[in-house]
């Protein structure tokens, strides 16, 4: 949605509790490209009804397992706690 210049938070407010699973993707390891404000989006997780997150990494800066660890760490410690 963000890439299409649509604000997902607007949809969460308009249709609360309907977005139980999210597929999030960044251009580098999740949260490291600076192009998408995940903090702002995840502040609406409860209103949206979030239960499941699928995270995708577009390009790896490091070996795959390191990149996955960085993405998971950002998702868990910065966004979901």
N, C-alpha and C. Protein backbone atom coordinates (compact mmCIF):
# COMPACT_ATOMS: atom_id res chain seq x y z
N UNK A 1 0.82 -1.18 0.00
CA UNK A 1 0.00 0.00 0.00
C UNK A 1 0.87 1.26 0.00
N UNK A 2 1.92 1.23 0.80
CA UNK A 2 2.78 2.40 0.91
C UNK A 2 3.43 2.72 -0.44
N UNK A 3 3.88 1.68 -1.14
CA UNK A 3 4.51 1.88 -2.44
C UNK A 3 3.52 2.51 -3.42
N UNK A 4 2.25 2.18 -3.30
CA UNK A 4 1.20 2.76 -4.16
C UNK A 4 0.73 4.11 -3.63
N UNK A 5 1.43 4.63 -2.62
CA UNK A 5 1.13 5.92 -2.00
C UNK A 5 -0.25 5.93 -1.34
N UNK A 6 -0.62 4.79 -0.76
CA UNK A 6 -1.86 4.67 0.00
C UNK A 6 -1.46 4.50 1.47
N UNK A 7 -2.10 5.24 2.33
CA UNK A 7 -1.79 5.16 3.76
C UNK A 7 -2.58 4.02 4.39
N UNK A 8 -1.92 2.94 4.81
CA UNK A 8 -2.65 1.81 5.39
C UNK A 8 -3.41 2.17 6.66
N UNK A 9 -2.92 3.13 7.42
CA UNK A 9 -3.57 3.52 8.67
C UNK A 9 -4.99 4.03 8.39
N UNK A 10 -5.18 4.69 7.26
CA UNK A 10 -6.51 5.16 6.87
C UNK A 10 -7.48 3.99 6.73
N UNK A 11 -7.01 2.91 6.13
CA UNK A 11 -7.85 1.72 5.97
C UNK A 11 -8.13 1.05 7.31
N UNK A 12 -7.15 1.03 8.20
CA UNK A 12 -7.35 0.43 9.51
C UNK A 12 -8.44 1.17 10.29
N UNK A 13 -8.45 2.49 10.14
CA UNK A 13 -9.47 3.30 10.82
C UNK A 13 -10.84 3.11 10.19
N UNK A 14 -10.87 3.02 8.88
CA UNK A 14 -12.14 2.90 8.16
C UNK A 14 -12.75 1.50 8.32
N UNK A 15 -11.89 0.48 8.37
CA UNK A 15 -12.34 -0.92 8.46
C UNK A 15 -11.64 -1.62 9.63
N UNK A 16 -11.93 -1.24 10.87
CA UNK A 16 -11.22 -1.81 12.01
C UNK A 16 -11.45 -3.32 12.16
N UNK A 17 -10.42 -3.97 12.69
CA UNK A 17 -10.43 -5.41 13.02
C UNK A 17 -10.56 -6.32 11.80
N UNK A 18 -10.32 -5.82 10.61
CA UNK A 18 -10.46 -6.64 9.39
C UNK A 18 -9.11 -7.06 8.80
N UNK A 19 -8.02 -6.61 9.38
CA UNK A 19 -6.70 -6.88 8.81
C UNK A 19 -5.91 -7.77 9.77
N UNK A 20 -6.29 -9.05 9.84
CA UNK A 20 -5.67 -9.94 10.83
C UNK A 20 -4.29 -10.42 10.41
N UNK A 21 -4.00 -10.41 9.12
CA UNK A 21 -2.65 -10.81 8.68
C UNK A 21 -2.09 -9.74 7.76
N UNK A 22 -0.82 -9.45 7.97
CA UNK A 22 -0.12 -8.44 7.17
C UNK A 22 1.07 -9.08 6.49
N UNK A 23 1.29 -8.70 5.26
CA UNK A 23 2.50 -9.06 4.53
C UNK A 23 3.30 -7.77 4.42
N UNK A 24 4.38 -7.68 5.19
CA UNK A 24 5.20 -6.47 5.19
C UNK A 24 6.49 -6.74 4.44
N UNK A 25 6.93 -5.74 3.73
CA UNK A 25 8.11 -5.89 2.88
C UNK A 25 8.88 -4.58 2.88
N UNK A 26 10.18 -4.69 2.90
CA UNK A 26 11.03 -3.51 2.82
C UNK A 26 12.05 -3.73 1.71
N UNK A 27 12.73 -2.68 1.35
CA UNK A 27 13.70 -2.76 0.26
C UNK A 27 15.03 -3.35 0.71
N UNK A 28 15.30 -3.26 1.98
CA UNK A 28 16.47 -3.88 2.59
C UNK A 28 15.95 -4.68 3.78
N UNK A 29 16.80 -5.07 4.69
CA UNK A 29 16.32 -5.78 5.86
C UNK A 29 15.21 -4.94 6.52
N UNK A 30 14.17 -5.58 6.98
CA UNK A 30 12.99 -4.90 7.49
C UNK A 30 13.35 -3.78 8.45
N UNK A 31 12.91 -2.57 8.12
CA UNK A 31 13.16 -1.42 8.97
C UNK A 31 14.47 -0.71 8.73
N UNK A 32 15.28 -1.20 7.80
CA UNK A 32 16.60 -0.62 7.59
C UNK A 32 16.72 0.25 6.34
N UNK A 33 15.72 0.29 5.50
CA UNK A 33 15.83 1.11 4.28
C UNK A 33 15.47 2.56 4.56
N UNK A 34 14.63 2.79 5.55
CA UNK A 34 14.18 4.14 5.85
C UNK A 34 13.09 4.64 4.91
N UNK A 35 12.63 3.81 4.00
CA UNK A 35 11.61 4.23 3.03
C UNK A 35 10.19 4.08 3.55
N UNK A 36 9.98 3.18 4.50
CA UNK A 36 8.64 2.92 5.02
C UNK A 36 8.65 3.12 6.53
N UNK A 37 7.69 3.89 7.03
CA UNK A 37 7.60 4.16 8.46
C UNK A 37 6.80 3.05 9.14
N UNK A 38 7.47 1.94 9.42
CA UNK A 38 6.79 0.80 10.03
C UNK A 38 6.28 1.12 11.43
N UNK A 39 6.99 1.98 12.16
CA UNK A 39 6.54 2.33 13.51
C UNK A 39 5.14 2.93 13.46
N UNK A 40 4.92 3.85 12.57
CA UNK A 40 3.61 4.50 12.43
C UNK A 40 2.53 3.47 12.07
N UNK A 41 2.84 2.58 11.16
CA UNK A 41 1.88 1.57 10.73
C UNK A 41 1.56 0.60 11.86
N UNK A 42 2.58 0.13 12.56
CA UNK A 42 2.37 -0.86 13.61
C UNK A 42 1.72 -0.29 14.86
N UNK A 43 1.71 1.02 15.02
CA UNK A 43 0.97 1.61 16.13
C UNK A 43 -0.53 1.37 15.97
N UNK A 44 -0.97 1.07 14.76
CA UNK A 44 -2.38 0.79 14.48
C UNK A 44 -2.69 -0.71 14.45
N UNK A 45 -1.76 -1.53 14.86
CA UNK A 45 -1.94 -2.99 14.78
C UNK A 45 -3.17 -3.48 15.53
N UNK A 46 -3.39 -2.97 16.72
CA UNK A 46 -4.54 -3.43 17.50
C UNK A 46 -5.85 -3.01 16.83
N UNK A 47 -5.92 -1.77 16.41
CA UNK A 47 -7.11 -1.28 15.72
C UNK A 47 -7.39 -2.08 14.45
N UNK A 48 -6.33 -2.47 13.75
CA UNK A 48 -6.47 -3.23 12.51
C UNK A 48 -6.90 -4.66 12.76
N UNK A 49 -6.58 -5.19 13.95
CA UNK A 49 -6.90 -6.58 14.27
C UNK A 49 -5.76 -7.53 13.99
N UNK A 50 -4.54 -7.02 13.92
CA UNK A 50 -3.37 -7.83 13.56
C UNK A 50 -3.18 -9.04 14.47
N UNK A 51 -3.01 -10.21 13.84
CA UNK A 51 -2.67 -11.45 14.56
C UNK A 51 -1.43 -12.11 13.97
N UNK A 52 -1.21 -11.96 12.67
CA UNK A 52 -0.12 -12.65 11.98
C UNK A 52 0.63 -11.67 11.08
N UNK A 53 1.96 -11.83 11.04
CA UNK A 53 2.79 -10.99 10.18
C UNK A 53 3.68 -11.88 9.33
N UNK A 54 3.69 -11.63 8.05
CA UNK A 54 4.62 -12.27 7.12
C UNK A 54 5.58 -11.18 6.68
N UNK A 55 6.86 -11.35 6.97
CA UNK A 55 7.85 -10.34 6.61
C UNK A 55 8.67 -10.82 5.43
N UNK A 56 8.90 -9.92 4.49
CA UNK A 56 9.67 -10.23 3.29
C UNK A 56 10.79 -9.22 3.14
N UNK A 57 11.94 -9.69 2.71
CA UNK A 57 13.09 -8.83 2.44
C UNK A 57 13.33 -8.82 0.94
N UNK A 58 13.36 -7.65 0.34
CA UNK A 58 13.55 -7.53 -1.11
C UNK A 58 14.99 -7.84 -1.52
N UNK A 59 15.93 -7.17 -0.88
CA UNK A 59 17.36 -7.36 -1.18
C UNK A 59 18.12 -7.58 0.12
N UNK A 60 19.09 -8.46 0.07
CA UNK A 60 19.89 -8.75 1.26
C UNK A 60 21.21 -7.98 1.21
N UNK A 61 21.55 -7.35 2.32
CA UNK A 61 22.85 -6.69 2.46
C UNK A 61 23.89 -7.62 3.06
N UNK A 62 23.42 -8.69 3.68
CA UNK A 62 24.28 -9.61 4.42
C UNK A 62 23.91 -11.03 4.00
N UNK A 63 24.61 -12.03 4.52
CA UNK A 63 24.18 -13.41 4.26
C UNK A 63 22.71 -13.57 4.68
N UNK A 64 22.01 -14.44 4.01
CA UNK A 64 20.56 -14.59 4.20
C UNK A 64 20.17 -14.74 5.66
N UNK A 65 20.81 -15.61 6.40
CA UNK A 65 20.42 -15.84 7.80
C UNK A 65 20.64 -14.59 8.65
N UNK A 66 21.67 -13.82 8.36
CA UNK A 66 21.92 -12.57 9.08
C UNK A 66 20.82 -11.56 8.77
N UNK A 67 20.46 -11.45 7.50
CA UNK A 67 19.40 -10.53 7.09
C UNK A 67 18.07 -10.89 7.71
N UNK A 68 17.76 -12.17 7.75
CA UNK A 68 16.51 -12.63 8.36
C UNK A 68 16.53 -12.30 9.86
N UNK A 69 17.66 -12.49 10.51
CA UNK A 69 17.79 -12.16 11.93
C UNK A 69 17.58 -10.68 12.19
N UNK A 70 18.14 -9.84 11.34
CA UNK A 70 17.95 -8.39 11.48
C UNK A 70 16.48 -8.01 11.31
N UNK A 71 15.84 -8.58 10.30
CA UNK A 71 14.43 -8.29 10.04
C UNK A 71 13.57 -8.76 11.21
N UNK A 72 13.82 -9.97 11.70
CA UNK A 72 13.05 -10.51 12.82
C UNK A 72 13.26 -9.66 14.07
N UNK A 73 14.51 -9.31 14.34
CA UNK A 73 14.80 -8.49 15.52
C UNK A 73 14.09 -7.16 15.48
N UNK A 74 14.09 -6.51 14.34
CA UNK A 74 13.40 -5.23 14.19
C UNK A 74 11.90 -5.42 14.40
N UNK A 75 11.34 -6.41 13.75
CA UNK A 75 9.91 -6.67 13.85
C UNK A 75 9.51 -6.97 15.29
N UNK A 76 10.23 -7.84 15.95
CA UNK A 76 9.87 -8.27 17.30
C UNK A 76 10.15 -7.19 18.35
N UNK A 77 11.38 -6.68 18.37
CA UNK A 77 11.78 -5.77 19.44
C UNK A 77 11.33 -4.33 19.24
N UNK A 78 11.22 -3.89 18.00
CA UNK A 78 10.85 -2.50 17.75
C UNK A 78 9.36 -2.30 17.49
N UNK A 79 8.72 -3.29 16.90
CA UNK A 79 7.34 -3.08 16.47
C UNK A 79 6.29 -3.82 17.27
N UNK A 80 6.60 -5.00 17.75
CA UNK A 80 5.56 -5.82 18.39
C UNK A 80 5.60 -5.82 19.91
N UNK A 81 6.64 -5.30 20.51
CA UNK A 81 6.72 -5.29 21.98
C UNK A 81 6.07 -4.06 22.55
